[in-house]
Amino acid sequence: MPKQILLDIGITSRGKKRFITATKETVERDFGYAILSAEGYTTNDEIVFAEPGDMSLLGVRTLGGFSVMVDNIGHRFVATASIVAAEKQFIIHNA
C-alpha cells in the first residue's frame, strides 16, 4: 500500500525487509502490521510501505488469510478452505 496512506491511517513501520518484485528487481521497503478487510473478508498481516512507482496489490499471504481464491474472470474473491500444516508422525527406534 502507498506509504503515505499507511502513515495517514496510523500504521507504523516496524522495520525494513528486502523483496524481489515481479520484474526480479530487489528492493528494500518498510513494513508494518495491519488488520485488512476486503469484500467482507478480514485478516491480519504484514503490510509493505510502497514507494512512488510501486504497485499496490494483495499478496498470497493476505489472500490465504482471507481464505479466498481470486476469480480472474469475475474479478472477485471466491471463498475456499484455509490450508493447514499437516502433522508429521515420528517413529523413534531404540538402538
N, C-alpha and C. Protein backbone atom coordinates (compact mmCIF):
# COMPACT_ATOMS: atom_id res chain seq x y z
N MET A 1 0.85 -1.18 0.00
CA MET A 1 0.00 0.00 0.00
C MET A 1 0.90 1.24 0.00
N PRO A 2 0.45 2.33 -0.60
CA PRO A 2 1.26 3.54 -0.62
C PRO A 2 1.63 4.00 0.80
N LYS A 3 2.89 4.33 0.96
CA LYS A 3 3.44 4.71 2.27
C LYS A 3 2.64 5.81 2.94
N GLN A 4 2.29 6.85 2.21
CA GLN A 4 1.60 7.99 2.82
C GLN A 4 0.21 7.60 3.33
N ILE A 5 -0.49 6.74 2.61
CA ILE A 5 -1.80 6.29 3.06
C ILE A 5 -1.66 5.53 4.38
N LEU A 6 -0.67 4.64 4.46
CA LEU A 6 -0.46 3.87 5.69
C LEU A 6 -0.12 4.79 6.86
N LEU A 7 0.74 5.77 6.63
CA LEU A 7 1.08 6.72 7.70
C LEU A 7 -0.13 7.53 8.12
N ASP A 8 -0.95 7.94 7.15
CA ASP A 8 -2.15 8.74 7.45
C ASP A 8 -3.16 8.00 8.31
N ILE A 9 -3.23 6.67 8.18
CA ILE A 9 -4.19 5.90 8.99
C ILE A 9 -3.55 5.32 10.25
N GLY A 10 -2.31 5.70 10.51
CA GLY A 10 -1.68 5.32 11.77
C GLY A 10 -0.89 4.03 11.78
N ILE A 11 -0.61 3.46 10.62
CA ILE A 11 0.23 2.26 10.57
C ILE A 11 1.68 2.71 10.68
N THR A 12 2.43 2.09 11.59
CA THR A 12 3.82 2.48 11.80
C THR A 12 4.76 1.41 11.27
N SER A 13 5.93 1.85 10.83
CA SER A 13 6.95 0.93 10.35
C SER A 13 7.53 0.17 11.53
N ARG A 14 7.73 -1.13 11.33
CA ARG A 14 8.35 -1.99 12.35
C ARG A 14 9.74 -2.44 11.93
N GLY A 15 10.17 -1.98 10.75
CA GLY A 15 11.49 -2.36 10.26
C GLY A 15 11.53 -2.32 8.75
N LYS A 16 12.61 -2.85 8.20
CA LYS A 16 12.79 -2.92 6.76
C LYS A 16 13.03 -4.36 6.34
N LYS A 17 12.58 -4.70 5.16
CA LYS A 17 12.80 -6.02 4.57
C LYS A 17 13.14 -5.86 3.10
N ARG A 18 13.85 -6.87 2.58
CA ARG A 18 14.13 -6.90 1.14
C ARG A 18 13.09 -7.78 0.46
N PHE A 19 12.68 -7.36 -0.72
CA PHE A 19 11.69 -8.07 -1.51
C PHE A 19 12.18 -8.20 -2.94
N ILE A 20 11.75 -9.26 -3.62
CA ILE A 20 12.02 -9.42 -5.05
C ILE A 20 10.71 -9.16 -5.76
N THR A 21 10.71 -8.21 -6.68
CA THR A 21 9.49 -7.82 -7.39
C THR A 21 9.19 -8.80 -8.52
N ALA A 22 8.02 -8.64 -9.13
CA ALA A 22 7.63 -9.48 -10.26
C ALA A 22 8.60 -9.34 -11.43
N THR A 23 9.31 -8.20 -11.50
CA THR A 23 10.29 -7.98 -12.57
C THR A 23 11.69 -8.42 -12.13
N LYS A 24 11.77 -9.14 -11.00
CA LYS A 24 13.00 -9.71 -10.45
C LYS A 24 13.99 -8.65 -9.93
N GLU A 25 13.48 -7.47 -9.64
CA GLU A 25 14.29 -6.42 -9.03
C GLU A 25 14.25 -6.61 -7.52
N THR A 26 15.39 -6.43 -6.84
CA THR A 26 15.43 -6.49 -5.38
C THR A 26 15.27 -5.08 -4.83
N VAL A 27 14.29 -4.91 -3.93
CA VAL A 27 14.04 -3.60 -3.32
C VAL A 27 13.96 -3.77 -1.81
N GLU A 28 14.22 -2.70 -1.08
CA GLU A 28 14.07 -2.71 0.37
C GLU A 28 12.97 -1.73 0.73
N ARG A 29 12.02 -2.20 1.55
CA ARG A 29 10.87 -1.37 1.93
C ARG A 29 10.58 -1.53 3.42
N ASP A 30 9.99 -0.46 4.00
CA ASP A 30 9.49 -0.55 5.36
C ASP A 30 8.30 -1.49 5.38
N PHE A 31 8.06 -2.13 6.53
CA PHE A 31 6.88 -2.96 6.70
C PHE A 31 6.29 -2.70 8.08
N GLY A 32 5.01 -3.03 8.21
CA GLY A 32 4.30 -2.91 9.48
C GLY A 32 3.24 -3.98 9.55
N TYR A 33 2.32 -3.83 10.49
CA TYR A 33 1.25 -4.81 10.66
C TYR A 33 -0.10 -4.11 10.62
N ALA A 34 -1.10 -4.81 10.06
CA ALA A 34 -2.42 -4.20 9.94
C ALA A 34 -3.49 -5.29 9.92
N ILE A 35 -4.71 -4.90 10.27
CA ILE A 35 -5.88 -5.74 10.06
C ILE A 35 -6.48 -5.27 8.74
N LEU A 36 -6.64 -6.19 7.81
CA LEU A 36 -7.10 -5.87 6.45
C LEU A 36 -8.49 -6.43 6.21
N SER A 37 -9.33 -5.67 5.53
CA SER A 37 -10.67 -6.11 5.16
C SER A 37 -10.93 -5.78 3.70
N ALA A 38 -11.56 -6.73 3.00
CA ALA A 38 -11.95 -6.51 1.60
C ALA A 38 -13.07 -7.47 1.25
N GLU A 39 -14.11 -6.97 0.62
CA GLU A 39 -15.24 -7.78 0.15
C GLU A 39 -15.80 -8.68 1.25
N GLY A 40 -15.82 -8.20 2.49
CA GLY A 40 -16.39 -8.97 3.59
C GLY A 40 -15.43 -9.95 4.25
N TYR A 41 -14.20 -10.02 3.82
CA TYR A 41 -13.20 -10.90 4.40
C TYR A 41 -12.23 -10.07 5.24
N THR A 42 -11.71 -10.65 6.33
CA THR A 42 -10.80 -9.93 7.22
C THR A 42 -9.65 -10.84 7.62
N THR A 43 -8.45 -10.26 7.75
CA THR A 43 -7.28 -10.98 8.24
C THR A 43 -6.29 -9.97 8.81
N ASN A 44 -5.30 -10.45 9.53
CA ASN A 44 -4.19 -9.59 9.95
C ASN A 44 -2.95 -10.04 9.18
N ASP A 45 -2.05 -9.10 8.88
CA ASP A 45 -0.90 -9.46 8.04
C ASP A 45 0.16 -8.39 8.11
N GLU A 46 1.35 -8.75 7.59
CA GLU A 46 2.38 -7.74 7.35
C GLU A 46 1.93 -6.90 6.18
N ILE A 47 2.29 -5.64 6.22
CA ILE A 47 1.92 -4.76 5.12
C ILE A 47 3.17 -3.97 4.74
N VAL A 48 3.40 -3.79 3.44
CA VAL A 48 4.60 -3.15 2.93
C VAL A 48 4.30 -1.70 2.56
N PHE A 49 5.17 -0.81 2.96
CA PHE A 49 5.04 0.62 2.66
C PHE A 49 5.59 0.87 1.26
N ALA A 50 4.70 0.97 0.28
CA ALA A 50 5.11 1.16 -1.11
C ALA A 50 5.63 2.58 -1.34
N GLU A 51 6.65 2.67 -2.17
CA GLU A 51 7.23 3.95 -2.58
C GLU A 51 6.58 4.37 -3.90
N PRO A 52 6.71 5.65 -4.27
CA PRO A 52 6.15 6.10 -5.55
C PRO A 52 6.64 5.20 -6.70
N GLY A 53 5.71 4.78 -7.55
CA GLY A 53 6.03 3.90 -8.67
C GLY A 53 5.83 2.42 -8.37
N ASP A 54 5.71 2.05 -7.07
CA ASP A 54 5.44 0.66 -6.71
C ASP A 54 3.98 0.32 -6.99
N MET A 55 3.72 -0.95 -7.24
CA MET A 55 2.34 -1.42 -7.43
C MET A 55 1.66 -1.59 -6.07
N SER A 56 0.36 -1.43 -6.04
CA SER A 56 -0.44 -1.76 -4.86
C SER A 56 -1.17 -3.06 -5.16
N LEU A 57 -0.91 -4.08 -4.35
CA LEU A 57 -1.55 -5.37 -4.59
C LEU A 57 -1.63 -6.16 -3.31
N LEU A 58 -2.51 -7.15 -3.31
CA LEU A 58 -2.62 -8.08 -2.19
C LEU A 58 -1.72 -9.27 -2.48
N GLY A 59 -0.92 -9.64 -1.49
CA GLY A 59 -0.02 -10.78 -1.65
C GLY A 59 -0.70 -12.10 -1.36
N VAL A 60 -0.01 -13.17 -1.65
CA VAL A 60 -0.56 -14.51 -1.46
C VAL A 60 -0.83 -14.79 0.02
N ARG A 61 -0.03 -14.24 0.94
CA ARG A 61 -0.29 -14.45 2.37
C ARG A 61 -1.60 -13.80 2.79
N THR A 62 -1.87 -12.61 2.28
CA THR A 62 -3.12 -11.93 2.61
C THR A 62 -4.31 -12.70 2.05
N LEU A 63 -4.22 -13.14 0.81
CA LEU A 63 -5.31 -13.92 0.21
C LEU A 63 -5.54 -15.21 0.99
N GLY A 64 -4.45 -15.85 1.43
CA GLY A 64 -4.58 -17.06 2.24
C GLY A 64 -5.24 -16.76 3.58
N GLY A 65 -4.90 -15.61 4.18
CA GLY A 65 -5.53 -15.20 5.43
C GLY A 65 -7.01 -14.93 5.26
N PHE A 66 -7.41 -14.41 4.11
CA PHE A 66 -8.82 -14.20 3.81
C PHE A 66 -9.55 -15.52 3.54
N SER A 67 -8.79 -16.59 3.28
CA SER A 67 -9.34 -17.90 2.86
C SER A 67 -10.12 -17.75 1.57
N VAL A 68 -9.49 -17.10 0.58
CA VAL A 68 -10.13 -16.91 -0.72
C VAL A 68 -9.18 -17.26 -1.85
N MET A 69 -9.78 -17.47 -3.01
CA MET A 69 -9.06 -17.54 -4.28
C MET A 69 -9.58 -16.37 -5.11
N VAL A 70 -8.82 -15.96 -6.10
CA VAL A 70 -9.24 -14.86 -6.96
C VAL A 70 -9.89 -15.42 -8.21
N ASP A 71 -11.10 -14.98 -8.49
CA ASP A 71 -11.80 -15.31 -9.74
C ASP A 71 -11.38 -14.26 -10.75
N ASN A 72 -10.43 -14.61 -11.63
CA ASN A 72 -9.89 -13.64 -12.60
C ASN A 72 -10.92 -13.22 -13.65
N ILE A 73 -11.90 -14.06 -13.92
CA ILE A 73 -12.92 -13.71 -14.91
C ILE A 73 -13.96 -12.78 -14.28
N GLY A 74 -14.43 -13.13 -13.09
CA GLY A 74 -15.46 -12.33 -12.42
C GLY A 74 -14.90 -11.18 -11.60
N HIS A 75 -13.56 -11.11 -11.49
CA HIS A 75 -12.89 -10.04 -10.74
C HIS A 75 -13.42 -9.92 -9.32
N ARG A 76 -13.42 -11.09 -8.62
CA ARG A 76 -13.91 -11.10 -7.25
C ARG A 76 -13.20 -12.20 -6.48
N PHE A 77 -13.41 -12.20 -5.16
CA PHE A 77 -12.88 -13.26 -4.31
C PHE A 77 -13.89 -14.40 -4.27
N VAL A 78 -13.38 -15.63 -4.18
CA VAL A 78 -14.22 -16.82 -4.02
C VAL A 78 -13.72 -17.54 -2.76
N ALA A 79 -14.63 -17.78 -1.81
CA ALA A 79 -14.27 -18.43 -0.56
C ALA A 79 -13.71 -19.82 -0.81
N THR A 80 -12.72 -20.19 -0.03
CA THR A 80 -12.11 -21.51 -0.10
C THR A 80 -11.71 -21.92 1.31
N ALA A 81 -11.35 -23.15 1.50
CA ALA A 81 -10.90 -23.60 2.82
C ALA A 81 -9.45 -23.16 3.05
N SER A 82 -9.12 -22.84 4.28
CA SER A 82 -7.75 -22.50 4.63
C SER A 82 -6.89 -23.75 4.61
N ILE A 83 -5.64 -23.57 4.25
CA ILE A 83 -4.69 -24.68 4.25
C ILE A 83 -4.02 -24.71 5.61
N VAL A 84 -3.96 -25.89 6.21
CA VAL A 84 -3.27 -26.03 7.49
C VAL A 84 -2.10 -26.98 7.30
N ALA A 85 -1.11 -26.84 8.16
CA ALA A 85 0.05 -27.71 8.09
C ALA A 85 -0.33 -29.11 8.55
N ALA A 86 0.18 -30.11 7.88
CA ALA A 86 -0.08 -31.49 8.27
C ALA A 86 0.85 -31.88 9.42
N GLU A 87 0.33 -32.66 10.32
CA GLU A 87 1.14 -33.12 11.44
C GLU A 87 1.93 -34.33 11.00
N LYS A 88 3.23 -34.32 11.28
CA LYS A 88 4.07 -35.47 10.93
C LYS A 88 4.13 -36.41 12.12
N GLN A 89 4.17 -37.67 11.84
CA GLN A 89 4.32 -38.66 12.89
C GLN A 89 5.76 -39.15 12.85
N PHE A 90 6.41 -39.09 13.99
CA PHE A 90 7.78 -39.54 14.07
C PHE A 90 7.85 -40.85 14.84
N ILE A 91 8.62 -41.78 14.34
CA ILE A 91 8.81 -43.07 15.00
C ILE A 91 10.24 -43.12 15.53
N ILE A 92 10.37 -43.40 16.81
CA ILE A 92 11.69 -43.46 17.44
C ILE A 92 12.03 -44.93 17.70
N HIS A 93 13.16 -45.35 17.22
CA HIS A 93 13.60 -46.74 17.39
C HIS A 93 14.73 -46.75 18.42
N ASN A 94 14.68 -47.70 19.34
CA ASN A 94 15.79 -47.90 20.29
C ASN A 94 16.87 -48.69 19.60
N ALA A 95 18.11 -48.25 19.74
CA ALA A 95 19.21 -48.95 19.09
C ALA A 95 19.79 -50.02 19.97
